[in-house]
Amino acid sequence: MAGNLTSQHALVTGGGRGIGRAVAAALAGAGARVSILGRDAATLEKAVSDGAAHACAVADVTDEAATRAAIEQLAADEPFDIVVANAGGAETAPFVKCDAALFRRMLDLNVIGTTTPFHAALPGMIARGSGRLIAIASTAAHRGYAYGTAYGAAKHA
């Protein structure tokens, strides 16, 4: 990652593993103070101890109240300049087996799980006149995949 982010505080949801951990490590490598959010405390703490991030909090992004509380905790000393909404996931099934509950789970995780962190950090960014909101996308938003109807719809949203 190019650039100098030494004065920036970044949040990465789903930052304990996979793409989120790689994004967190890249931001930290560029000098940002990085906080990560996820569901598994041990995984998050390992990312912090390995130097991929500086702080962490446990919350499931489908739980709006818990996500907001975790973000407030992480931003208590320094508001966020960058928010990377990376947390997400896919449940797959043939369309005839995709009930409304499956669609709701995919929307809660992949849409609400993106907008809640953005809403939590945005007022501080507006007040400072600066900030970046970044949503990790998927090719499923542009191309259909077998058994991916609900996920594709959520990512397209």
N, C-alpha and C. Protein backbone atom coordinates (compact mmCIF):
# COMPACT_ATOMS: atom_id res chain seq x y z
N MET A 1 0.85 -1.17 0.00
CA MET A 1 0.00 0.00 0.00
C MET A 1 0.90 1.23 0.00
N ALA A 2 0.70 2.07 -0.98
CA ALA A 2 1.51 3.29 -1.10
C ALA A 2 0.96 4.37 -0.19
N GLY A 3 1.81 5.30 0.15
CA GLY A 3 1.36 6.45 0.92
C GLY A 3 1.77 6.37 2.37
N ASN A 4 1.57 7.49 3.04
CA ASN A 4 1.90 7.59 4.45
C ASN A 4 0.61 7.87 5.21
N LEU A 5 0.23 6.96 6.03
CA LEU A 5 -1.03 7.08 6.78
C LEU A 5 -0.78 7.27 8.27
N THR A 6 0.36 7.85 8.65
CA THR A 6 0.74 7.94 10.06
C THR A 6 -0.24 8.70 10.93
N SER A 7 -0.98 9.61 10.38
CA SER A 7 -1.94 10.36 11.20
C SER A 7 -3.35 9.81 11.10
N GLN A 8 -3.50 8.65 10.50
CA GLN A 8 -4.83 8.10 10.24
C GLN A 8 -5.16 6.95 11.19
N HIS A 9 -6.44 6.87 11.58
CA HIS A 9 -6.94 5.74 12.37
C HIS A 9 -7.91 5.00 11.47
N ALA A 10 -7.64 3.71 11.25
CA ALA A 10 -8.46 2.90 10.35
C ALA A 10 -9.17 1.79 11.12
N LEU A 11 -10.38 1.49 10.68
CA LEU A 11 -11.15 0.36 11.19
C LEU A 11 -11.36 -0.62 10.05
N VAL A 12 -11.14 -1.90 10.32
CA VAL A 12 -11.41 -2.95 9.34
C VAL A 12 -12.34 -3.97 10.00
N THR A 13 -13.57 -4.11 9.46
CA THR A 13 -14.46 -5.13 9.97
C THR A 13 -14.06 -6.46 9.36
N GLY A 14 -14.27 -7.54 10.10
CA GLY A 14 -13.80 -8.83 9.63
C GLY A 14 -12.29 -8.83 9.49
N GLY A 15 -11.62 -8.11 10.38
CA GLY A 15 -10.19 -7.87 10.25
C GLY A 15 -9.29 -8.92 10.86
N GLY A 16 -9.83 -9.98 11.39
CA GLY A 16 -9.01 -10.98 12.05
C GLY A 16 -8.39 -12.02 11.14
N ARG A 17 -8.95 -12.18 9.94
CA ARG A 17 -8.43 -13.22 9.06
C ARG A 17 -8.73 -12.87 7.61
N GLY A 18 -8.13 -13.61 6.71
CA GLY A 18 -8.41 -13.48 5.28
C GLY A 18 -8.13 -12.10 4.72
N ILE A 19 -9.01 -11.66 3.85
CA ILE A 19 -8.85 -10.36 3.19
C ILE A 19 -8.79 -9.24 4.22
N GLY A 20 -9.63 -9.29 5.24
CA GLY A 20 -9.64 -8.23 6.25
C GLY A 20 -8.33 -8.10 6.98
N ARG A 21 -7.74 -9.23 7.35
CA ARG A 21 -6.44 -9.18 8.03
C ARG A 21 -5.38 -8.63 7.09
N ALA A 22 -5.42 -9.01 5.82
CA ALA A 22 -4.44 -8.50 4.85
C ALA A 22 -4.60 -6.99 4.67
N VAL A 23 -5.83 -6.52 4.62
CA VAL A 23 -6.08 -5.07 4.50
C VAL A 23 -5.57 -4.36 5.76
N ALA A 24 -5.88 -4.92 6.93
CA ALA A 24 -5.41 -4.31 8.18
C ALA A 24 -3.89 -4.24 8.22
N ALA A 25 -3.23 -5.32 7.84
CA ALA A 25 -1.76 -5.34 7.85
C ALA A 25 -1.19 -4.33 6.87
N ALA A 26 -1.82 -4.19 5.70
CA ALA A 26 -1.35 -3.21 4.72
C ALA A 26 -1.51 -1.79 5.24
N LEU A 27 -2.63 -1.51 5.87
CA LEU A 27 -2.85 -0.18 6.45
C LEU A 27 -1.84 0.10 7.57
N ALA A 28 -1.61 -0.91 8.42
CA ALA A 28 -0.61 -0.74 9.49
C ALA A 28 0.77 -0.54 8.90
N GLY A 29 1.08 -1.27 7.85
CA GLY A 29 2.37 -1.13 7.18
C GLY A 29 2.57 0.24 6.57
N ALA A 30 1.47 0.90 6.21
CA ALA A 30 1.54 2.26 5.66
C ALA A 30 1.53 3.31 6.76
N GLY A 31 1.53 2.86 8.03
CA GLY A 31 1.64 3.79 9.14
C GLY A 31 0.37 4.11 9.88
N ALA A 32 -0.77 3.58 9.43
CA ALA A 32 -2.03 3.88 10.12
C ALA A 32 -2.11 3.16 11.46
N ARG A 33 -2.84 3.76 12.38
CA ARG A 33 -3.22 3.05 13.60
C ARG A 33 -4.45 2.25 13.18
N VAL A 34 -4.43 0.93 13.36
CA VAL A 34 -5.48 0.07 12.83
C VAL A 34 -6.22 -0.63 13.97
N SER A 35 -7.54 -0.53 13.93
CA SER A 35 -8.42 -1.27 14.83
C SER A 35 -9.20 -2.26 13.98
N ILE A 36 -9.40 -3.45 14.53
CA ILE A 36 -10.16 -4.46 13.81
C ILE A 36 -11.35 -4.92 14.63
N LEU A 37 -12.36 -5.35 13.93
CA LEU A 37 -13.61 -5.79 14.53
C LEU A 37 -13.94 -7.16 13.95
N GLY A 38 -14.42 -8.06 14.78
CA GLY A 38 -14.81 -9.38 14.31
C GLY A 38 -15.53 -10.14 15.40
N ARG A 39 -15.84 -11.40 15.11
CA ARG A 39 -16.63 -12.22 16.04
C ARG A 39 -15.80 -13.09 16.96
N ASP A 40 -14.55 -13.36 16.63
CA ASP A 40 -13.74 -14.31 17.38
C ASP A 40 -12.59 -13.59 18.09
N ALA A 41 -12.71 -13.48 19.41
CA ALA A 41 -11.71 -12.74 20.20
C ALA A 41 -10.30 -13.30 20.00
N ALA A 42 -10.15 -14.60 20.02
CA ALA A 42 -8.81 -15.20 19.89
C ALA A 42 -8.18 -14.86 18.54
N THR A 43 -8.96 -14.91 17.49
CA THR A 43 -8.45 -14.58 16.15
C THR A 43 -8.05 -13.11 16.07
N LEU A 44 -8.87 -12.24 16.63
CA LEU A 44 -8.57 -10.80 16.64
C LEU A 44 -7.31 -10.51 17.45
N GLU A 45 -7.23 -11.10 18.63
CA GLU A 45 -6.07 -10.87 19.49
C GLU A 45 -4.79 -11.38 18.85
N LYS A 46 -4.86 -12.48 18.12
CA LYS A 46 -3.69 -13.00 17.39
C LYS A 46 -3.26 -12.02 16.32
N ALA A 47 -4.21 -11.44 15.59
CA ALA A 47 -3.87 -10.44 14.57
C ALA A 47 -3.17 -9.25 15.20
N VAL A 48 -3.64 -8.84 16.37
CA VAL A 48 -3.00 -7.72 17.07
C VAL A 48 -1.60 -8.12 17.54
N SER A 49 -1.47 -9.28 18.14
CA SER A 49 -0.15 -9.70 18.64
C SER A 49 0.84 -9.93 17.50
N ASP A 50 0.34 -10.28 16.32
CA ASP A 50 1.21 -10.46 15.14
C ASP A 50 1.56 -9.14 14.46
N GLY A 51 0.96 -8.03 14.90
CA GLY A 51 1.27 -6.73 14.33
C GLY A 51 0.41 -6.31 13.15
N ALA A 52 -0.62 -7.09 12.83
CA ALA A 52 -1.51 -6.73 11.73
C ALA A 52 -2.46 -5.60 12.11
N ALA A 53 -2.62 -5.36 13.40
CA ALA A 53 -3.50 -4.30 13.91
C ALA A 53 -2.99 -3.88 15.28
N HIS A 54 -3.56 -2.77 15.76
CA HIS A 54 -3.14 -2.24 17.06
C HIS A 54 -4.17 -2.47 18.17
N ALA A 55 -5.43 -2.60 17.79
CA ALA A 55 -6.50 -2.78 18.77
C ALA A 55 -7.61 -3.60 18.13
N CYS A 56 -8.45 -4.21 18.98
CA CYS A 56 -9.55 -5.00 18.44
C CYS A 56 -10.74 -4.96 19.39
N ALA A 57 -11.88 -5.29 18.85
CA ALA A 57 -13.10 -5.43 19.64
C ALA A 57 -13.95 -6.52 19.00
N VAL A 58 -14.69 -7.21 19.84
CA VAL A 58 -15.54 -8.30 19.38
C VAL A 58 -16.96 -7.80 19.17
N ALA A 59 -17.48 -8.03 17.97
CA ALA A 59 -18.88 -7.75 17.66
C ALA A 59 -19.22 -8.44 16.35
N ASP A 60 -20.46 -8.84 16.25
CA ASP A 60 -21.00 -9.41 15.02
C ASP A 60 -21.68 -8.26 14.28
N VAL A 61 -21.26 -7.97 13.06
CA VAL A 61 -21.79 -6.80 12.34
C VAL A 61 -23.29 -6.90 12.05
N THR A 62 -23.89 -8.08 12.25
CA THR A 62 -25.35 -8.18 12.09
C THR A 62 -26.07 -7.70 13.34
N ASP A 63 -25.34 -7.45 14.41
CA ASP A 63 -25.89 -6.91 15.66
C ASP A 63 -25.55 -5.43 15.70
N GLU A 64 -26.50 -4.60 15.29
CA GLU A 64 -26.23 -3.16 15.16
C GLU A 64 -25.78 -2.52 16.47
N ALA A 65 -26.45 -2.84 17.57
CA ALA A 65 -26.10 -2.22 18.85
C ALA A 65 -24.69 -2.62 19.28
N ALA A 66 -24.36 -3.89 19.15
CA ALA A 66 -23.02 -4.35 19.54
C ALA A 66 -21.95 -3.74 18.64
N THR A 67 -22.25 -3.63 17.36
CA THR A 67 -21.28 -3.04 16.42
C THR A 67 -21.03 -1.58 16.75
N ARG A 68 -22.10 -0.83 16.98
CA ARG A 68 -21.95 0.59 17.34
C ARG A 68 -21.17 0.75 18.64
N ALA A 69 -21.46 -0.08 19.64
CA ALA A 69 -20.77 0.01 20.92
C ALA A 69 -19.28 -0.31 20.75
N ALA A 70 -18.96 -1.32 19.96
CA ALA A 70 -17.56 -1.68 19.73
C ALA A 70 -16.83 -0.57 19.00
N ILE A 71 -17.48 0.03 18.02
CA ILE A 71 -16.84 1.11 17.26
C ILE A 71 -16.63 2.33 18.16
N GLU A 72 -17.61 2.64 18.99
CA GLU A 72 -17.44 3.75 19.94
C GLU A 72 -16.26 3.49 20.87
N GLN A 73 -16.14 2.27 21.34
CA GLN A 73 -15.02 1.89 22.23
C GLN A 73 -13.69 2.08 21.50
N LEU A 74 -13.59 1.58 20.28
CA LEU A 74 -12.34 1.65 19.53
C LEU A 74 -11.99 3.09 19.13
N ALA A 75 -13.00 3.93 18.96
CA ALA A 75 -12.77 5.31 18.53
C ALA A 75 -12.74 6.30 19.70
N ALA A 76 -12.77 5.80 20.93
CA ALA A 76 -12.86 6.68 22.09
C ALA A 76 -11.70 7.67 22.16
N ASP A 77 -10.50 7.23 21.88
CA ASP A 77 -9.33 8.12 21.96
C ASP A 77 -9.03 8.84 20.66
N GLU A 78 -9.43 8.24 19.57
CA GLU A 78 -9.13 8.80 18.25
C GLU A 78 -10.20 8.35 17.26
N PRO A 79 -10.95 9.28 16.68
CA PRO A 79 -12.00 8.89 15.73
C PRO A 79 -11.39 8.26 14.47
N PHE A 80 -12.22 7.56 13.74
CA PHE A 80 -11.75 6.87 12.54
C PHE A 80 -11.67 7.82 11.35
N ASP A 81 -10.59 7.68 10.60
CA ASP A 81 -10.39 8.40 9.35
C ASP A 81 -10.72 7.51 8.16
N ILE A 82 -10.60 6.22 8.36
CA ILE A 82 -10.82 5.23 7.32
C ILE A 82 -11.65 4.09 7.91
N VAL A 83 -12.70 3.68 7.22
CA VAL A 83 -13.46 2.50 7.62
C VAL A 83 -13.54 1.58 6.41
N VAL A 84 -13.05 0.35 6.60
CA VAL A 84 -13.11 -0.67 5.56
C VAL A 84 -14.13 -1.71 6.02
N ALA A 85 -15.27 -1.73 5.35
CA ALA A 85 -16.32 -2.71 5.65
C ALA A 85 -16.01 -3.97 4.86
N ASN A 86 -15.34 -4.88 5.53
CA ASN A 86 -14.89 -6.12 4.89
C ASN A 86 -15.71 -7.33 5.33
N ALA A 87 -16.26 -7.31 6.54
CA ALA A 87 -16.98 -8.47 7.05
C ALA A 87 -18.09 -8.85 6.08
N GLY A 88 -18.22 -10.12 5.83
CA GLY A 88 -19.26 -10.60 4.92
C GLY A 88 -19.19 -12.10 4.84
N GLY A 89 -20.11 -12.64 4.09
CA GLY A 89 -20.13 -14.08 3.94
C GLY A 89 -21.21 -14.49 2.97
N ALA A 90 -21.20 -15.77 2.64
CA ALA A 90 -22.16 -16.29 1.67
C ALA A 90 -22.75 -17.60 2.17
N GLU A 91 -24.06 -17.70 2.05
CA GLU A 91 -24.76 -18.97 2.19
C GLU A 91 -25.26 -19.30 0.80
N THR A 92 -25.03 -20.50 0.36
CA THR A 92 -25.43 -20.86 -0.98
C THR A 92 -26.45 -21.99 -0.97
N ALA A 93 -27.35 -21.95 -1.92
CA ALA A 93 -28.38 -22.98 -2.09
C ALA A 93 -29.06 -22.74 -3.42
N PRO A 94 -29.65 -23.78 -3.98
CA PRO A 94 -30.45 -23.55 -5.19
C PRO A 94 -31.57 -22.57 -4.87
N PHE A 95 -31.95 -21.76 -5.84
CA PHE A 95 -32.96 -20.73 -5.60
C PHE A 95 -34.23 -21.29 -4.98
N VAL A 96 -34.67 -22.46 -5.40
CA VAL A 96 -35.92 -23.02 -4.87
C VAL A 96 -35.81 -23.33 -3.38
N LYS A 97 -34.60 -23.38 -2.86
CA LYS A 97 -34.40 -23.62 -1.43
C LYS A 97 -34.02 -22.34 -0.67
N CYS A 98 -33.98 -21.21 -1.36
CA CYS A 98 -33.64 -19.93 -0.73
C CYS A 98 -34.91 -19.29 -0.19
N ASP A 99 -35.15 -19.47 1.09
CA ASP A 99 -36.33 -18.85 1.68
C ASP A 99 -36.03 -17.41 2.09
N ALA A 100 -37.04 -16.71 2.55
CA ALA A 100 -36.88 -15.31 2.94
C ALA A 100 -35.87 -15.16 4.07
N ALA A 101 -35.79 -16.15 4.95
CA ALA A 101 -34.84 -16.07 6.07
C ALA A 101 -33.40 -16.06 5.56
N LEU A 102 -33.09 -16.85 4.53
CA LEU A 102 -31.75 -16.85 3.97
C LEU A 102 -31.43 -15.49 3.35
N PHE A 103 -32.38 -14.94 2.59
CA PHE A 103 -32.17 -13.62 2.01
C PHE A 103 -31.95 -12.58 3.10
N ARG A 104 -32.72 -12.65 4.19
CA ARG A 104 -32.54 -11.69 5.30
C ARG A 104 -31.16 -11.82 5.94
N ARG A 105 -30.69 -13.05 6.12
CA ARG A 105 -29.35 -13.25 6.71
C ARG A 105 -28.28 -12.63 5.81
N MET A 106 -28.40 -12.84 4.52
CA MET A 106 -27.42 -12.28 3.58
C MET A 106 -27.49 -10.76 3.55
N LEU A 107 -28.69 -10.20 3.60
CA LEU A 107 -28.83 -8.74 3.62
C LEU A 107 -28.30 -8.17 4.93
N ASP A 108 -28.63 -8.81 6.05
CA ASP A 108 -28.13 -8.32 7.35
C ASP A 108 -26.61 -8.32 7.39
N LEU A 109 -25.99 -9.39 6.91
CA LEU A 109 -24.54 -9.50 6.96
C LEU A 109 -23.86 -8.59 5.95
N ASN A 110 -24.30 -8.64 4.70
CA ASN A 110 -23.57 -7.98 3.61
C ASN A 110 -24.02 -6.55 3.31
N VAL A 111 -25.20 -6.15 3.78
CA VAL A 111 -25.66 -4.77 3.56
C VAL A 111 -25.67 -4.01 4.88
N ILE A 112 -26.45 -4.46 5.83
CA ILE A 112 -26.52 -3.77 7.13
C ILE A 112 -25.16 -3.84 7.83
N GLY A 113 -24.45 -4.97 7.66
CA GLY A 113 -23.11 -5.11 8.23
C GLY A 113 -22.10 -4.15 7.63
N THR A 114 -22.43 -3.58 6.49
CA THR A 114 -21.59 -2.54 5.88
C THR A 114 -22.05 -1.15 6.30
N THR A 115 -23.35 -0.93 6.29
CA THR A 115 -23.85 0.43 6.57
C THR A 115 -23.72 0.81 8.04
N THR A 116 -23.85 -0.14 8.96
CA THR A 116 -23.75 0.21 10.38
C THR A 116 -22.39 0.80 10.75
N PRO A 117 -21.27 0.16 10.38
CA PRO A 117 -19.97 0.79 10.69
C PRO A 117 -19.81 2.15 10.01
N PHE A 118 -20.31 2.27 8.79
CA PHE A 118 -20.23 3.56 8.09
C PHE A 118 -21.01 4.62 8.86
N HIS A 119 -22.24 4.31 9.25
CA HIS A 119 -23.05 5.28 10.00
C HIS A 119 -22.40 5.66 11.33
N ALA A 120 -21.76 4.70 11.98
CA ALA A 120 -21.13 4.97 13.27
C ALA A 120 -19.94 5.92 13.14
N ALA A 121 -19.18 5.79 12.07
CA ALA A 121 -17.97 6.61 11.90
C ALA A 121 -18.20 7.91 11.15
N LEU A 122 -19.24 7.98 10.35
CA LEU A 122 -19.45 9.12 9.46
C LEU A 122 -19.59 10.47 10.17
N PRO A 123 -20.31 10.60 11.28
CA PRO A 123 -20.42 11.93 11.90
C PRO A 123 -19.06 12.57 12.23
N GLY A 124 -18.13 11.78 12.74
CA GLY A 124 -16.80 12.31 13.04
C GLY A 124 -16.06 12.73 11.78
N MET A 125 -16.23 11.98 10.72
CA MET A 125 -15.59 12.33 9.45
C MET A 125 -16.16 13.64 8.90
N ILE A 126 -17.46 13.77 8.98
CA ILE A 126 -18.11 15.00 8.50
C ILE A 126 -17.63 16.19 9.32
N ALA A 127 -17.58 16.01 10.64
CA ALA A 127 -17.13 17.11 11.51
C ALA A 127 -15.70 17.54 11.19
N ARG A 128 -14.83 16.60 10.83
CA ARG A 128 -13.45 16.91 10.50
C ARG A 128 -13.28 17.30 9.03
N GLY A 129 -14.31 17.07 8.23
CA GLY A 129 -14.23 17.38 6.80
C GLY A 129 -13.36 16.43 6.02
N SER A 130 -13.19 15.20 6.55
CA SER A 130 -12.31 14.26 5.89
C SER A 130 -12.62 12.84 6.34
N GLY A 131 -12.41 11.87 5.45
CA GLY A 131 -12.59 10.47 5.81
C GLY A 131 -12.83 9.63 4.58
N ARG A 132 -12.65 8.33 4.76
CA ARG A 132 -12.85 7.38 3.66
C ARG A 132 -13.69 6.21 4.15
N LEU A 133 -14.73 5.89 3.40
CA LEU A 133 -15.56 4.72 3.65
C LEU A 133 -15.35 3.77 2.47
N ILE A 134 -14.89 2.56 2.77
CA ILE A 134 -14.53 1.61 1.72
C ILE A 134 -15.28 0.31 1.95
N ALA A 135 -16.04 -0.13 0.96
CA ALA A 135 -16.78 -1.39 1.04
C ALA A 135 -16.11 -2.42 0.15
N ILE A 136 -15.76 -3.54 0.74
CA ILE A 136 -15.19 -4.63 -0.04
C ILE A 136 -16.33 -5.30 -0.80
N ALA A 137 -16.18 -5.40 -2.09
CA ALA A 137 -17.23 -5.93 -2.95
C ALA A 137 -16.94 -7.36 -3.36
N SER A 138 -17.73 -7.86 -4.27
CA SER A 138 -17.58 -9.21 -4.77
C SER A 138 -17.98 -9.25 -6.24
N THR A 139 -17.36 -10.13 -6.97
CA THR A 139 -17.77 -10.30 -8.36
C THR A 139 -19.20 -10.80 -8.45
N ALA A 140 -19.74 -11.32 -7.35
CA ALA A 140 -21.13 -11.79 -7.35
C ALA A 140 -22.11 -10.65 -7.58
N ALA A 141 -21.68 -9.42 -7.39
CA ALA A 141 -22.54 -8.27 -7.66
C ALA A 141 -22.67 -8.01 -9.16
N HIS A 142 -21.78 -8.61 -9.94
CA HIS A 142 -21.76 -8.35 -11.39
C HIS A 142 -22.03 -9.59 -12.23
N ARG A 143 -21.90 -10.73 -11.61
CA ARG A 143 -22.00 -11.97 -12.37
C ARG A 143 -22.75 -13.00 -11.55
N GLY A 144 -23.65 -13.70 -12.16
CA GLY A 144 -24.38 -14.74 -11.45
C GLY A 144 -23.55 -15.98 -11.22
N TYR A 145 -23.71 -16.58 -10.06
CA TYR A 145 -23.04 -17.83 -9.73
C TYR A 145 -24.09 -18.85 -9.32
N ALA A 146 -23.88 -20.09 -9.69
CA ALA A 146 -24.80 -21.15 -9.30
C ALA A 146 -24.95 -21.17 -7.79
N TYR A 147 -26.17 -21.27 -7.32
CA TYR A 147 -26.51 -21.35 -5.90
C TYR A 147 -26.19 -20.08 -5.12
N GLY A 148 -25.92 -18.99 -5.80
CA GLY A 148 -25.54 -17.76 -5.12
C GLY A 148 -26.57 -16.65 -5.20
N THR A 149 -27.82 -16.98 -5.38
CA THR A 149 -28.86 -15.97 -5.60
C THR A 149 -28.94 -14.95 -4.46
N ALA A 150 -29.09 -15.42 -3.23
CA ALA A 150 -29.25 -14.51 -2.09
C ALA A 150 -27.98 -13.70 -1.84
N TYR A 151 -26.84 -14.37 -1.93
CA TYR A 151 -25.56 -13.66 -1.74
C TYR A 151 -25.37 -12.61 -2.83
N GLY A 152 -25.60 -13.00 -4.07
CA GLY A 152 -25.45 -12.05 -5.18
C GLY A 152 -26.35 -10.84 -5.04
N ALA A 153 -27.59 -11.08 -4.62
CA ALA A 153 -28.51 -9.97 -4.42
C ALA A 153 -28.02 -9.04 -3.31
N ALA A 154 -27.52 -9.62 -2.23
CA ALA A 154 -27.02 -8.80 -1.12
C ALA A 154 -25.78 -8.01 -1.53
N LYS A 155 -24.86 -8.64 -2.23
CA LYS A 155 -23.65 -7.93 -2.64
C LYS A 155 -23.96 -6.86 -3.69
N HIS A 156 -24.97 -7.11 -4.50
CA HIS A 156 -25.35 -6.12 -5.50
C HIS A 156 -25.98 -4.89 -4.82
N ALA A 157 -26.66 -5.13 -3.71
CA ALA A 157 -27.28 -4.03 -2.97
C ALA A 157 -26.20 -3.08 -2.49
